[in-house]
Amino acid sequence: MKYRTTGVDGVVNIYKEKGYTSHDVVAIVRKLTGCKTGHTGTLDPDAEGVLPVCLGKATRISDYIAAETKEYTAVIAFGTETDTQDASGVAVYERALDCSEDALRAAMLSFIGDYEQLPPMYSALKVNGKKLYELAREGKEVERKARPVRILDLQILEMDYPYSAVMHVVCSKGTYIRTLCTDIGRRAGASAHMAALLRTRTGAFTLAESVTLDAFRQALENDGLLTVLKPMESALSGFRTARAVGADEKLLHNGGALPLAHTALPDDVQDGERLLLSDGGGCLVGIYVVKTGEACLRPLVVLL
């Protein structure tokens, strides 16, 4: 069944359950609402948790939401490394921990900060137009370049030494937690893989505020979409705001550069800073970048 959602623009914080791909979730939301939809960062089928799904014009900001900091709770199992780096894969190496518990804890915490992470073969990244997981399923392994990622925080929540540990990770966009688990094992001189994963936050979207697909359907049935729909401006709460003052409405609607003389800006605004711009009536216009040398704001995304 499809429900009437004409003119709806915003983001729904879906709790992705096990067994669904991120694409499955987006397709279901699209079918239920009839809206243009897009997600903001893939979760593997066995992973659970926060998956913001953009509706309508909010699909234009999906990349900005995807770039936000993410938080996870992960279970790392020691003794076996798999080809997929998680519990769904086939064992490729087996080596038990032979370091002390203190040494293991030190190895885990040593990943806090910047580190170069090699993307896994079983991932959606593309090489020469083909997804890595497609090549992996063909039994091929291709050269990949390590990418800089940042672990902002890592806390060890539980330790069942020498078999497993539960950790909470705060990280940058593009971090593969299953690769982190494998890398931790290697640094500790053992094999390891990710046994379970729960994403607890993406930017402004938290686990506590997420809704299952069933709850989302019920909200639609009861004409309560707005109770689970987050406005675009609150979905981008990490951005500071600016307001157009006396600007030509045509200029705003056509996506033209806005002179700084027609804007109310934060006092300490920086060149190159990205701001959420609203019009004189308080309606969100879009994401703009400050160009002090040109004395204007230039649009990155227009949402009118």
C-alpha atoms as a PDB file:
ATOM      1  CA  MET A   1       0.000   0.000   0.000  1.00  0.00           C
ATOM      2  CA  LYS A   2       1.193   3.531  -0.801  1.00  0.00           C
ATOM      3  CA  TYR A   3       0.223   6.449   1.416  1.00  0.00           C
ATOM      4  CA  ARG A   4      -0.265  10.087   0.407  1.00  0.00           C
ATOM      5  CA  THR A   5       2.872  12.057   1.179  1.00  0.00           C
ATOM      6  CA  THR A   6       2.840  14.727  -1.524  1.00  0.00           C
ATOM      7  CA  GLY A   7       5.209  17.610  -0.901  1.00  0.00           C
ATOM      8  CA  VAL A   8       6.995  15.914   2.005  1.00  0.00           C
ATOM      9  CA  ASP A   9      10.636  16.874   2.442  1.00  0.00           C
ATOM     10  CA  GLY A  10      12.678  15.638   5.384  1.00  0.00           C
ATOM     11  CA  VAL A  11      14.559  12.709   6.880  1.00  0.00           C
ATOM     12  CA  VAL A  12      13.231   9.593   8.619  1.00  0.00           C
ATOM     13  CA  ASN A  13      15.505   7.891  11.146  1.00  0.00           C
ATOM     14  CA  ILE A  14      14.945   4.227  10.324  1.00  0.00           C
ATOM     15  CA  TYR A  15      16.213   1.452  12.591  1.00  0.00           C
ATOM     16  CA  LYS A  16      17.618  -1.023  10.081  1.00  0.00           C
ATOM     17  CA  GLU A  17      17.081  -4.550  11.311  1.00  0.00           C
ATOM     18  CA  LYS A  18      19.152  -7.617  10.464  1.00  0.00           C
ATOM     19  CA  GLY A  19      18.454  -9.227   7.110  1.00  0.00           C
ATOM     20  CA  TYR A  20      17.698  -5.979   5.270  1.00  0.00           C
ATOM     21  CA  THR A  21      20.196  -4.265   3.018  1.00  0.00           C
ATOM     22  CA  SER A  22      20.271  -0.472   3.086  1.00  0.00           C
ATOM     23  CA  HIS A  23      18.899  -0.591  -0.470  1.00  0.00           C
ATOM     24  CA  ASP A  24      15.991  -2.760   0.762  1.00  0.00           C
ATOM     25  CA  VAL A  25      15.078  -0.142   3.373  1.00  0.00           C
ATOM     26  CA  VAL A  26      15.183   2.725   0.886  1.00  0.00           C
ATOM     27  CA  ALA A  27      13.090   0.751  -1.616  1.00  0.00           C
ATOM     28  CA  ILE A  28      10.451  -0.044   1.031  1.00  0.00           C
ATOM     29  CA  VAL A  29      10.218   3.594   2.160  1.00  0.00           C
ATOM     30  CA  ARG A  30       9.974   4.695  -1.485  1.00  0.00           C
ATOM     31  CA  LYS A  31       7.195   2.194  -2.177  1.00  0.00           C
ATOM     32  CA  LEU A  32       5.253   3.189   0.936  1.00  0.00           C
ATOM     33  CA  THR A  33       5.494   6.945   0.388  1.00  0.00           C
ATOM     34  CA  GLY A  34       5.808   7.389  -3.362  1.00  0.00           C
ATOM     35  CA  CYS A  35       8.567   9.907  -2.600  1.00  0.00           C
ATOM     36  CA  LYS A  36      12.019  10.198  -4.057  1.00  0.00           C
ATOM     37  CA  THR A  37      14.274   8.596  -1.438  1.00  0.00           C
ATOM     38  CA  GLY A  38      17.926   8.046  -0.623  1.00  0.00           C
ATOM     39  CA  HIS A  39      19.964   6.791   2.333  1.00  0.00           C
ATOM     40  CA  THR A  40      22.936   8.394   4.031  1.00  0.00           C
ATOM     41  CA  GLY A  41      25.494   5.649   4.542  1.00  0.00           C
ATOM     42  CA  THR A  42      25.352   1.919   3.906  1.00  0.00           C
ATOM     43  CA  LEU A  43      24.925  -0.638   6.661  1.00  0.00           C
ATOM     44  CA  ASP A  44      25.778  -4.277   5.885  1.00  0.00           C
ATOM     45  CA  PRO A  45      22.839  -6.752   5.896  1.00  0.00           C
ATOM     46  CA  ASP A  46      23.874  -8.269   9.256  1.00  0.00           C
ATOM     47  CA  ALA A  47      24.374  -4.870  10.879  1.00  0.00           C
ATOM     48  CA  GLU A  48      21.617  -3.011  12.720  1.00  0.00           C
ATOM     49  CA  GLY A  49      20.838   0.505  13.798  1.00  0.00           C
ATOM     50  CA  VAL A  50      20.507   4.067  12.606  1.00  0.00           C
ATOM     51  CA  LEU A  51      19.889   4.533   8.871  1.00  0.00           C
ATOM     52  CA  PRO A  52      18.583   8.025   8.019  1.00  0.00           C
ATOM     53  CA  VAL A  53      16.444   7.935   4.856  1.00  0.00           C
ATOM     54  CA  CYS A  54      15.919  11.199   2.973  1.00  0.00           C
ATOM     55  CA  LEU A  55      12.556  12.036   1.394  1.00  0.00           C
ATOM     56  CA  GLY A  56      11.823  14.537  -1.370  1.00  0.00           C
ATOM     57  CA  LYS A  57      14.155  17.530  -1.528  1.00  0.00           C
ATOM     58  CA  ALA A  58      16.118  16.145   1.430  1.00  0.00           C
ATOM     59  CA  THR A  59      17.774  13.694  -0.999  1.00  0.00           C
ATOM     60  CA  ARG A  60      19.862  16.709  -2.069  1.00  0.00           C
ATOM     61  CA  ILE A  61      21.511  16.800   1.357  1.00  0.00           C
ATOM     62  CA  SER A  62      22.112  13.057   1.763  1.00  0.00           C
ATOM     63  CA  ASP A  63      25.854  13.398   1.115  1.00  0.00           C
ATOM     64  CA  TYR A  64      26.141  16.052   3.839  1.00  0.00           C
ATOM     65  CA  ILE A  65      24.375  13.837   6.388  1.00  0.00           C
ATOM     66  CA  ALA A  66      26.523  10.874   5.319  1.00  0.00           C
ATOM     67  CA  ALA A  67      29.636  12.962   6.022  1.00  0.00           C
ATOM     68  CA  GLU A  68      28.661  13.436   9.684  1.00  0.00           C
ATOM     69  CA  THR A  69      30.393  11.639  12.567  1.00  0.00           C
ATOM     70  CA  LYS A  70      29.079   8.152  13.303  1.00  0.00           C
ATOM     71  CA  GLU A  71      28.970   5.997  16.435  1.00  0.00           C
ATOM     72  CA  TYR A  72      28.865   2.213  16.695  1.00  0.00           C
ATOM     73  CA  THR A  73      28.807  -0.579  19.228  1.00  0.00           C
ATOM     74  CA  ALA A  74      30.721  -3.531  17.833  1.00  0.00           C
ATOM     75  CA  VAL A  75      31.596  -7.030  19.000  1.00  0.00           C
ATOM     76  CA  ILE A  76      35.063  -8.166  17.968  1.00  0.00           C
ATOM     77  CA  ALA A  77      35.816 -11.905  18.033  1.00  0.00           C
ATOM     78  CA  PHE A  78      39.416 -13.093  18.323  1.00  0.00           C
ATOM     79  CA  GLY A  79      40.954 -16.229  16.842  1.00  0.00           C
ATOM     80  CA  THR A  80      39.544 -16.161  13.303  1.00  0.00           C
ATOM     81  CA  GLU A  81      39.856 -13.727  10.386  1.00  0.00           C
ATOM     82  CA  THR A  82      37.306 -14.066   7.588  1.00  0.00           C
ATOM     83  CA  ASP A  83      37.318 -13.041   3.928  1.00  0.00           C
ATOM     84  CA  THR A  84      34.511 -10.527   4.577  1.00  0.00           C
ATOM     85  CA  GLN A  85      35.984  -9.421   7.934  1.00  0.00           C
ATOM     86  CA  ASP A  86      32.669 -10.231   9.638  1.00  0.00           C
ATOM     87  CA  ALA A  87      30.771 -13.297  10.832  1.00  0.00           C
ATOM     88  CA  SER A  88      29.157 -13.907   7.432  1.00  0.00           C
ATOM     89  CA  GLY A  89      32.458 -14.767   5.775  1.00  0.00           C
ATOM     90  CA  VAL A  90      34.666 -17.818   5.379  1.00  0.00           C
ATOM     91  CA  ALA A  91      37.623 -18.281   7.728  1.00  0.00           C
ATOM     92  CA  VAL A  92      40.930 -17.463   6.009  1.00  0.00           C
ATOM     93  CA  TYR A  93      43.307 -17.215   8.990  1.00  0.00           C
ATOM     94  CA  GLU A  94      43.199 -18.653  12.490  1.00  0.00           C
ATOM     95  CA  ARG A  95      45.466 -17.427  15.231  1.00  0.00           C
ATOM     96  CA  ALA A  96      44.460 -17.097  18.867  1.00  0.00           C
ATOM     97  CA  LEU A  97      45.516 -14.244  21.107  1.00  0.00           C
ATOM     98  CA  ASP A  98      48.778 -14.906  22.887  1.00  0.00           C
ATOM     99  CA  CYS A  99      49.352 -11.426  24.337  1.00  0.00           C
ATOM    100  CA  SER A 100      48.198 -10.287  27.765  1.00  0.00           C
ATOM    101  CA  GLU A 101      44.829  -8.649  28.335  1.00  0.00           C
ATOM    102  CA  ASP A 102      46.572  -5.363  29.081  1.00  0.00           C
ATOM    103  CA  ALA A 103      48.479  -5.585  25.779  1.00  0.00           C
ATOM    104  CA  LEU A 104      45.221  -6.272  23.944  1.00  0.00           C
ATOM    105  CA  ARG A 105      43.542  -3.264  25.520  1.00  0.00           C
ATOM    106  CA  ALA A 106      46.525  -1.113  24.569  1.00  0.00           C
ATOM    107  CA  ALA A 107      46.345  -2.383  20.974  1.00  0.00           C
ATOM    108  CA  MET A 108      42.639  -1.517  20.766  1.00  0.00           C
ATOM    109  CA  LEU A 109      43.072   1.976  22.196  1.00  0.00           C
ATOM    110  CA  SER A 110      46.078   2.671  19.941  1.00  0.00           C
ATOM    111  CA  PHE A 111      43.678   3.157  17.009  1.00  0.00           C
ATOM    112  CA  ILE A 112      42.291   6.380  18.484  1.00  0.00           C
ATOM    113  CA  GLY A 113      43.306   9.194  16.141  1.00  0.00           C
ATOM    114  CA  ASP A 114      44.087   9.215  12.431  1.00  0.00           C
ATOM    115  CA  TYR A 115      44.939   5.985  10.679  1.00  0.00           C
ATOM    116  CA  GLU A 116      45.281   4.696   7.122  1.00  0.00           C
ATOM    117  CA  GLN A 117      42.627   2.046   6.526  1.00  0.00           C
ATOM    118  CA  LEU A 118      42.672  -0.355   3.583  1.00  0.00           C
ATOM    119  CA  PRO A 119      39.082  -0.775   2.295  1.00  0.00           C
ATOM    120  CA  PRO A 120      37.887  -4.395   2.317  1.00  0.00           C
ATOM    121  CA  MET A 121      37.343  -6.327  -0.901  1.00  0.00           C
ATOM    122  CA  TYR A 122      33.783  -7.005   0.206  1.00  0.00           C
ATOM    123  CA  SER A 123      32.628  -3.389  -0.081  1.00  0.00           C
ATOM    124  CA  ALA A 124      30.637  -1.221  -2.495  1.00  0.00           C
ATOM    125  CA  LEU A 125      33.652   0.872  -3.496  1.00  0.00           C
ATOM    126  CA  LYS A 126      34.296   0.822  -7.220  1.00  0.00           C
ATOM    127  CA  VAL A 127      37.482   0.050  -9.133  1.00  0.00           C
ATOM    128  CA  ASN A 128      37.346   0.664 -12.884  1.00  0.00           C
ATOM    129  CA  GLY A 129      33.574   0.945 -12.677  1.00  0.00           C
ATOM    130  CA  LYS A 130      33.042  -2.363 -10.882  1.00  0.00           C
ATOM    131  CA  LYS A 131      32.124  -2.787  -7.234  1.00  0.00           C
ATOM    132  CA  LEU A 132      34.763  -4.493  -5.134  1.00  0.00           C
ATOM    133  CA  TYR A 133      32.337  -7.056  -3.719  1.00  0.00           C
ATOM    134  CA  GLU A 134      31.448  -8.122  -7.275  1.00  0.00           C
ATOM    135  CA  LEU A 135      35.119  -8.786  -7.965  1.00  0.00           C
ATOM    136  CA  ALA A 136      35.496 -10.557  -4.625  1.00  0.00           C
ATOM    137  CA  ARG A 137      32.615 -12.893  -5.466  1.00  0.00           C
ATOM    138  CA  GLU A 138      34.453 -13.767  -8.674  1.00  0.00           C
ATOM    139  CA  GLY A 139      37.434 -14.761  -6.579  1.00  0.00           C
ATOM    140  CA  LYS A 140      39.455 -11.722  -7.614  1.00  0.00           C
ATOM    141  CA  GLU A 141      41.425  -9.389  -5.396  1.00  0.00           C
ATOM    142  CA  VAL A 142      42.576  -6.034  -6.738  1.00  0.00           C
ATOM    143  CA  GLU A 143      44.964  -3.451  -5.393  1.00  0.00           C
ATOM    144  CA  ARG A 144      43.303  -0.822  -3.195  1.00  0.00           C
ATOM    145  CA  LYS A 145      44.686   2.342  -1.742  1.00  0.00           C
ATOM    146  CA  ALA A 146      44.543   2.910   1.989  1.00  0.00           C
ATOM    147  CA  ARG A 147      42.344   5.861   2.934  1.00  0.00           C
ATOM    148  CA  PRO A 148      42.696   8.234   5.874  1.00  0.00           C
ATOM    149  CA  VAL A 149      40.016   7.737   8.530  1.00  0.00           C
ATOM    150  CA  ARG A 150      39.737   9.059  12.055  1.00  0.00           C
ATOM    151  CA  ILE A 151      38.765   7.232  15.230  1.00  0.00           C
ATOM    152  CA  LEU A 152      37.640  10.048  17.504  1.00  0.00           C
ATOM    153  CA  ASP A 153      37.018   7.757  20.453  1.00  0.00           C
ATOM    154  CA  LEU A 154      37.139   4.053  21.278  1.00  0.00           C
ATOM    155  CA  GLN A 155      35.894   2.669  24.577  1.00  0.00           C
ATOM    156  CA  ILE A 156      36.108  -0.954  25.650  1.00  0.00           C
ATOM    157  CA  LEU A 157      32.697  -1.753  27.136  1.00  0.00           C
ATOM    158  CA  GLU A 158      33.206  -5.455  27.888  1.00  0.00           C
ATOM    159  CA  MET A 159      36.086  -7.895  27.664  1.00  0.00           C
ATOM    160  CA  ASP A 160      35.768 -11.698  27.542  1.00  0.00           C
ATOM    161  CA  TYR A 161      39.506 -12.282  27.259  1.00  0.00           C
ATOM    162  CA  PRO A 162      40.859 -13.970  25.132  1.00  0.00           C
ATOM    163  CA  TYR A 163      37.736 -14.595  23.037  1.00  0.00           C
ATOM    164  CA  SER A 164      35.894 -11.346  22.408  1.00  0.00           C
ATOM    165  CA  ALA A 165      35.360  -7.714  23.330  1.00  0.00           C
ATOM    166  CA  VAL A 166      32.599  -5.148  22.979  1.00  0.00           C
ATOM    167  CA  MET A 167      33.660  -1.641  22.008  1.00  0.00           C
ATOM    168  CA  HIS A 168      32.021   1.701  21.359  1.00  0.00           C
ATOM    169  CA  VAL A 169      33.541   3.584  18.422  1.00  0.00           C
ATOM    170  CA  VAL A 170      33.125   7.211  17.342  1.00  0.00           C
ATOM    171  CA  CYS A 171      34.549   7.701  13.863  1.00  0.00           C
ATOM    172  CA  SER A 172      34.663   9.682  10.652  1.00  0.00           C
ATOM    173  CA  LYS A 173      32.818   9.007   7.433  1.00  0.00           C
ATOM    174  CA  GLY A 174      34.208   6.117   5.430  1.00  0.00           C
ATOM    175  CA  THR A 175      35.431   4.046   8.378  1.00  0.00           C
ATOM    176  CA  TYR A 176      34.832   0.308   8.038  1.00  0.00           C
ATOM    177  CA  ILE A 177      34.310  -1.074  11.531  1.00  0.00           C
ATOM    178  CA  ARG A 178      34.848  -4.664  10.370  1.00  0.00           C
ATOM    179  CA  THR A 179      38.211  -3.626   8.956  1.00  0.00           C
ATOM    180  CA  LEU A 180      39.009  -1.907  12.252  1.00  0.00           C
ATOM    181  CA  CYS A 181      38.250  -5.189  14.053  1.00  0.00           C
ATOM    182  CA  THR A 182      40.564  -7.121  11.738  1.00  0.00           C
ATOM    183  CA  ASP A 183      43.278  -4.485  12.088  1.00  0.00           C
ATOM    184  CA  ILE A 184      43.011  -4.603  15.886  1.00  0.00           C
ATOM    185  CA  GLY A 185      43.512  -8.345  15.793  1.00  0.00           C
ATOM    186  CA  ARG A 186      46.568  -8.037  13.578  1.00  0.00           C
ATOM    187  CA  ARG A 187      48.081  -5.345  15.789  1.00  0.00           C
ATOM    188  CA  ALA A 188      47.599  -7.645  18.777  1.00  0.00           C
ATOM    189  CA  GLY A 189      49.250 -10.510  16.876  1.00  0.00           C
ATOM    190  CA  ALA A 190      46.054 -12.487  16.352  1.00  0.00           C
ATOM    191  CA  SER A 191      43.225 -13.099  13.921  1.00  0.00           C
ATOM    192  CA  ALA A 192      39.938 -11.259  14.457  1.00  0.00           C
ATOM    193  CA  HIS A 193      36.655 -10.402  12.808  1.00  0.00           C
ATOM    194  CA  MET A 194      33.555  -8.346  13.594  1.00  0.00           C
ATOM    195  CA  ALA A 195      30.906 -10.557  15.167  1.00  0.00           C
ATOM    196  CA  ALA A 196      28.117  -7.947  15.438  1.00  0.00           C
ATOM    197  CA  LEU A 197      27.522  -4.259  14.725  1.00  0.00           C
ATOM    198  CA  LEU A 198      25.007  -1.674  15.908  1.00  0.00           C
ATOM    199  CA  ARG A 199      25.126   1.900  14.587  1.00  0.00           C
ATOM    200  CA  THR A 200      23.957   4.158  17.386  1.00  0.00           C
ATOM    201  CA  ARG A 201      24.320   7.595  15.784  1.00  0.00           C
ATOM    202  CA  THR A 202      24.767   9.373  12.477  1.00  0.00           C
ATOM    203  CA  GLY A 203      25.145  13.109  13.014  1.00  0.00           C
ATOM    204  CA  ALA A 204      21.923  14.389  14.588  1.00  0.00           C
ATOM    205  CA  PHE A 205      20.213  10.981  14.311  1.00  0.00           C
ATOM    206  CA  THR A 206      20.340   8.764  17.400  1.00  0.00           C
ATOM    207  CA  LEU A 207      19.342   5.197  18.177  1.00  0.00           C
ATOM    208  CA  ALA A 208      16.806   6.330  20.795  1.00  0.00           C
ATOM    209  CA  GLU A 209      14.845   8.301  18.182  1.00  0.00           C
ATOM    210  CA  SER A 210      14.966   5.662  15.422  1.00  0.00           C
ATOM    211  CA  VAL A 211      11.861   3.764  14.244  1.00  0.00           C
ATOM    212  CA  THR A 212      11.563   0.308  12.728  1.00  0.00           C
ATOM    213  CA  LEU A 213      10.000  -0.165   9.310  1.00  0.00           C
ATOM    214  CA  ASP A 214       6.874  -1.547  11.009  1.00  0.00           C
ATOM    215  CA  ALA A 215       6.609   1.565  13.196  1.00  0.00           C
ATOM    216  CA  PHE A 216       7.104   3.704  10.097  1.00  0.00           C
ATOM    217  CA  ARG A 217       4.227   1.900   8.349  1.00  0.00           C
ATOM    218  CA  GLN A 218       2.007   2.444  11.380  1.00  0.00           C
ATOM    219  CA  ALA A 219       2.840   6.154  11.409  1.00  0.00           C
ATOM    220  CA  LEU A 220       1.781   6.384   7.761  1.00  0.00           C
ATOM    221  CA  GLU A 221      -1.430   4.436   8.419  1.00  0.00           C
ATOM    222  CA  ASN A 222      -2.322   6.859  11.207  1.00  0.00           C
ATOM    223  CA  ASP A 223      -1.442   9.914   9.078  1.00  0.00           C
ATOM    224  CA  GLY A 224       1.442  10.543  11.448  1.00  0.00           C
ATOM    225  CA  LEU A 225       4.401  10.850   9.111  1.00  0.00           C
ATOM    226  CA  LEU A 226       5.261  14.233  10.574  1.00  0.00           C
ATOM    227  CA  THR A 227       5.754  12.592  13.978  1.00  0.00           C
ATOM    228  CA  VAL A 228       8.726  10.632  12.610  1.00  0.00           C
ATOM    229  CA  LEU A 229       9.965  13.089   9.970  1.00  0.00           C
ATOM    230  CA  LYS A 230      12.941  15.292  10.884  1.00  0.00           C
ATOM    231  CA  PRO A 231      13.079  18.693   9.094  1.00  0.00           C
ATOM    232  CA  MET A 232      16.052  19.298   6.853  1.00  0.00           C
ATOM    233  CA  GLU A 233      17.443  22.103   8.985  1.00  0.00           C
ATOM    234  CA  SER A 234      17.484  19.973  12.138  1.00  0.00           C
ATOM    235  CA  ALA A 235      19.064  17.121  10.181  1.00  0.00           C
ATOM    236  CA  LEU A 236      21.927  19.538   9.473  1.00  0.00           C
ATOM    237  CA  SER A 237      22.224  20.877  12.996  1.00  0.00           C
ATOM    238  CA  GLY A 238      26.014  20.812  12.772  1.00  0.00           C
ATOM    239  CA  PHE A 239      25.934  23.782  10.383  1.00  0.00           C
ATOM    240  CA  ARG A 240      25.730  27.367  11.590  1.00  0.00           C
ATOM    241  CA  THR A 241      23.000  29.558  10.142  1.00  0.00           C
ATOM    242  CA  ALA A 242      22.694  32.760   8.135  1.00  0.00           C
ATOM    243  CA  ARG A 243      19.671  34.756   6.982  1.00  0.00           C
ATOM    244  CA  ALA A 244      18.986  36.598   3.760  1.00  0.00           C
ATOM    245  CA  VAL A 245      18.084  40.248   4.412  1.00  0.00           C
ATOM    246  CA  GLY A 246      16.353  42.239   1.685  1.00  0.00           C
ATOM    247  CA  ALA A 247      17.512  39.795  -0.986  1.00  0.00           C
ATOM    248  CA  ASP A 248      15.812  39.377  -4.346  1.00  0.00           C
ATOM    249  CA  GLU A 249      13.555  36.311  -4.038  1.00  0.00           C
ATOM    250  CA  LYS A 250      14.274  35.444  -7.675  1.00  0.00           C
ATOM    251  CA  LEU A 251      17.963  35.362  -6.882  1.00  0.00           C
ATOM    252  CA  LEU A 252      17.348  32.877  -4.098  1.00  0.00           C
ATOM    253  CA  HIS A 253      15.061  30.652  -6.152  1.00  0.00           C
ATOM    254  CA  ASN A 254      17.429  30.657  -9.133  1.00  0.00           C
ATOM    255  CA  GLY A 255      20.421  29.694  -7.030  1.00  0.00           C
ATOM    256  CA  GLY A 256      22.419  32.849  -7.612  1.00  0.00           C
ATOM    257  CA  ALA A 257      25.272  34.110  -5.442  1.00  0.00           C
ATOM    258  CA  LEU A 258      24.038  36.284  -2.594  1.00  0.00           C
ATOM    259  CA  PRO A 259      25.990  39.462  -1.727  1.00  0.00           C
ATOM    260  CA  LEU A 260      27.221  39.532   1.870  1.00  0.00           C
ATOM    261  CA  ALA A 261      25.536  42.918   2.191  1.00  0.00           C
ATOM    262  CA  HIS A 262      22.199  41.076   1.969  1.00  0.00           C
ATOM    263  CA  THR A 263      22.951  38.530   4.680  1.00  0.00           C
ATOM    264  CA  ALA A 264      22.958  38.352   8.454  1.00  0.00           C
ATOM    265  CA  LEU A 265      25.992  36.237   9.324  1.00  0.00           C
ATOM    266  CA  PRO A 266      27.626  34.869  12.491  1.00  0.00           C
ATOM    267  CA  ASP A 267      30.092  37.443  13.835  1.00  0.00           C
ATOM    268  CA  ASP A 268      33.106  35.155  13.489  1.00  0.00           C
ATOM    269  CA  VAL A 269      32.231  33.640  10.116  1.00  0.00           C
ATOM    270  CA  GLN A 270      35.190  32.185   8.202  1.00  0.00           C
ATOM    271  CA  ASP A 271      36.016  32.163   4.506  1.00  0.00           C
ATOM    272  CA  GLY A 272      34.988  28.793   3.063  1.00  0.00           C
ATOM    273  CA  GLU A 273      32.559  28.042   5.910  1.00  0.00           C
ATOM    274  CA  ARG A 274      29.356  26.290   4.894  1.00  0.00           C
ATOM    275  CA  LEU A 275      26.158  27.792   6.318  1.00  0.00           C
ATOM    276  CA  LEU A 276      22.460  27.013   6.303  1.00  0.00           C
ATOM    277  CA  LEU A 277      20.746  30.004   4.706  1.00  0.00           C
ATOM    278  CA  SER A 278      17.143  30.928   5.421  1.00  0.00           C
ATOM    279  CA  ASP A 279      15.065  33.613   3.725  1.00  0.00           C
ATOM    280  CA  GLY A 280      13.460  36.626   5.377  1.00  0.00           C
ATOM    281  CA  GLY A 281      10.507  34.495   6.465  1.00  0.00           C
ATOM    282  CA  GLY A 282      12.699  31.878   8.127  1.00  0.00           C
ATOM    283  CA  CYS A 283      12.306  29.215   5.418  1.00  0.00           C
ATOM    284  CA  LEU A 284      15.370  27.150   4.578  1.00  0.00           C
ATOM    285  CA  VAL A 285      16.924  28.197   1.269  1.00  0.00           C
ATOM    286  CA  GLY A 286      19.908  25.847   1.147  1.00  0.00           C
ATOM    287  CA  ILE A 287      23.549  25.264   1.992  1.00  0.00           C
ATOM    288  CA  TYR A 288      25.850  28.131   1.006  1.00  0.00           C
ATOM    289  CA  VAL A 289      29.596  28.656   1.230  1.00  0.00           C
ATOM    290  CA  VAL A 290      31.185  31.927   2.376  1.00  0.00           C
ATOM    291  CA  LYS A 291      33.402  33.625  -0.228  1.00  0.00           C
ATOM    292  CA  THR A 292      34.867  36.641   1.528  1.00  0.00           C
ATOM    293  CA  GLY A 293      37.093  37.525  -1.430  1.00  0.00           C
ATOM    294  CA  GLU A 294      34.015  37.770  -3.640  1.00  0.00           C
ATOM    295  CA  ALA A 295      31.906  39.346  -0.860  1.00  0.00           C
ATOM    296  CA  CYS A 296      29.152  36.809  -1.360  1.00  0.00           C
ATOM    297  CA  LEU A 297      27.615  33.481  -0.388  1.00  0.00           C
ATOM    298  CA  ARG A 298      27.632  30.899  -3.166  1.00  0.00           C
ATOM    299  CA  PRO A 299      25.054  28.075  -3.185  1.00  0.00           C
ATOM    300  CA  LEU A 300      26.148  24.473  -2.791  1.00  0.00           C
ATOM    301  CA  VAL A 301      22.637  23.031  -2.515  1.00  0.00           C
ATOM    302  CA  VAL A 302      19.397  24.955  -3.122  1.00  0.00           C
ATOM    303  CA  LEU A 303      16.399  23.456  -1.309  1.00  0.00           C
ATOM    304  CA  LEU A 304      13.570  25.804  -2.293  1.00  0.00           C
END
